[in-house]
Amino acid sequence: TPALVGRKNGLVLFDPMTHTVGGNSGIGDFGLEGINSFIRDHSCGDVCNRLALDEVAPLIFDTSRNEEQDNSPSPELANGEGEDNVD
C-alpha cells in the first residue's frame, strides 16, 4: 500500500497470504479457489513491475501438478545426473 514512511513516499507491506493446492498452509489458505482468485483478480503495480515479476514469474498456474511433485527432486537430480561432479 502506498504510504508516507518517515515523511517520504513509500510502501507498507502487510498481511502476507499463502494459498496452496492442499489448502493446508494455515488460516486464510483457500486452496485452489484462492490461487485462481488471485490469478484472476491481481493487477500488477509498481512493485511487480520493478521486480519484473511478469517476466520471471508470470501468473500461470499448472493444475496438472500437485504439491508432492513440487517438493520432490527432478528425475535428473534423483539419479544424480543433474549434479556437478567435483573431484
Protein backbone atom coordinates (compact mmCIF):
# COMPACT_ATOMS: atom_id res chain seq x y z
CA THR A 1 0.00 0.00 0.00
CA PRO A 2 1.47 3.39 -0.93
CA ALA A 3 2.03 5.46 2.23
CA LEU A 4 4.28 8.03 3.84
CA VAL A 5 7.18 6.29 5.54
CA GLY A 6 9.46 8.57 7.53
CA ARG A 7 7.90 11.57 5.74
CA LYS A 8 8.82 10.06 2.36
CA ASN A 9 6.72 8.21 -0.17
CA GLY A 10 6.99 4.50 0.41
CA LEU A 11 5.13 1.23 0.61
CA VAL A 12 3.69 -0.53 3.62
CA LEU A 13 3.51 -4.30 3.18
CA PHE A 14 1.16 -6.30 5.37
CA ASP A 15 -0.91 -9.46 5.66
CA PRO A 16 1.10 -11.91 3.57
CA MET A 17 -1.19 -14.63 2.30
CA THR A 18 -0.47 -18.11 1.05
CA HIS A 19 -2.75 -20.38 -0.92
CA THR A 20 -1.64 -23.95 -1.57
CA VAL A 21 -3.09 -26.73 -3.67
CA GLY A 22 -3.89 -28.68 -0.50
CA GLY A 23 -5.31 -25.65 1.30
CA ASN A 24 -3.37 -26.52 4.44
CA SER A 25 -0.77 -23.78 4.96
CA GLY A 26 -2.73 -22.07 7.70
CA ILE A 27 -5.54 -19.67 8.39
CA GLY A 28 -6.67 -17.95 5.21
CA ASP A 29 -5.39 -20.64 2.83
CA PHE A 30 -8.28 -21.01 0.41
CA GLY A 31 -6.57 -23.66 -1.72
CA LEU A 32 -7.25 -23.75 -5.44
CA GLU A 33 -10.07 -21.24 -5.06
CA GLY A 34 -7.61 -18.74 -3.53
CA ILE A 35 -4.97 -19.39 -6.19
CA ASN A 36 -7.44 -18.96 -9.02
CA SER A 37 -8.95 -15.86 -7.41
CA PHE A 38 -5.51 -14.24 -7.08
CA ILE A 39 -4.58 -15.02 -10.68
CA ARG A 40 -7.94 -13.73 -11.92
CA ASP A 41 -8.05 -10.53 -9.83
CA HIS A 42 -4.39 -9.47 -9.47
CA SER A 43 -3.26 -6.36 -11.27
CA CYS A 44 0.49 -5.81 -11.37
CA GLY A 45 1.61 -2.49 -9.97
CA ASP A 46 4.87 -0.72 -9.26
CA VAL A 47 6.34 -3.48 -7.07
CA CYS A 48 5.66 -6.23 -9.62
CA ASN A 49 6.99 -4.06 -12.43
CA ARG A 50 10.19 -3.08 -10.60
CA LEU A 51 10.88 -6.72 -9.78
CA ALA A 52 9.99 -7.76 -13.37
CA LEU A 53 7.72 -10.43 -11.91
CA ASP A 54 5.64 -10.58 -15.08
CA GLU A 55 8.77 -11.81 -16.87
CA VAL A 56 10.42 -14.04 -14.26
CA ALA A 57 7.29 -15.38 -12.54
CA PRO A 58 4.24 -14.98 -14.77
CA LEU A 59 0.87 -15.70 -13.17
CA ILE A 60 0.27 -19.08 -14.74
CA PHE A 61 -0.93 -21.98 -12.62
CA ASP A 62 -0.39 -25.52 -13.88
CA THR A 63 -3.28 -27.54 -12.48
CA SER A 64 -1.69 -30.79 -13.66
CA ARG A 65 0.97 -30.52 -10.91
CA ASN A 66 0.43 -31.22 -7.25
CA GLU A 67 2.36 -30.31 -4.09
CA GLU A 68 4.05 -33.71 -3.91
CA GLN A 69 5.59 -33.10 -7.32
CA ASP A 70 6.58 -29.55 -6.34
CA ASN A 71 8.53 -30.79 -3.30
CA SER A 72 10.23 -33.77 -4.91
CA PRO A 73 13.54 -33.57 -6.75
CA SER A 74 13.51 -33.69 -10.50
CA PRO A 75 14.26 -37.13 -12.02
CA GLU A 76 17.67 -35.85 -13.14
CA LEU A 77 18.64 -34.84 -9.59
CA ALA A 78 17.22 -38.03 -8.09
CA ASN A 79 19.51 -40.05 -10.40
CA GLY A 80 22.50 -37.78 -9.80
CA GLU A 81 22.51 -36.69 -13.46
CA GLY A 82 21.90 -33.01 -12.73
CA GLU A 83 24.66 -32.62 -10.16
CA ASP A 84 28.10 -31.23 -10.90
CA ASN A 85 30.79 -33.74 -10.02
CA VAL A 86 33.82 -32.09 -8.48
CA ASP A 87 36.94 -34.20 -7.83
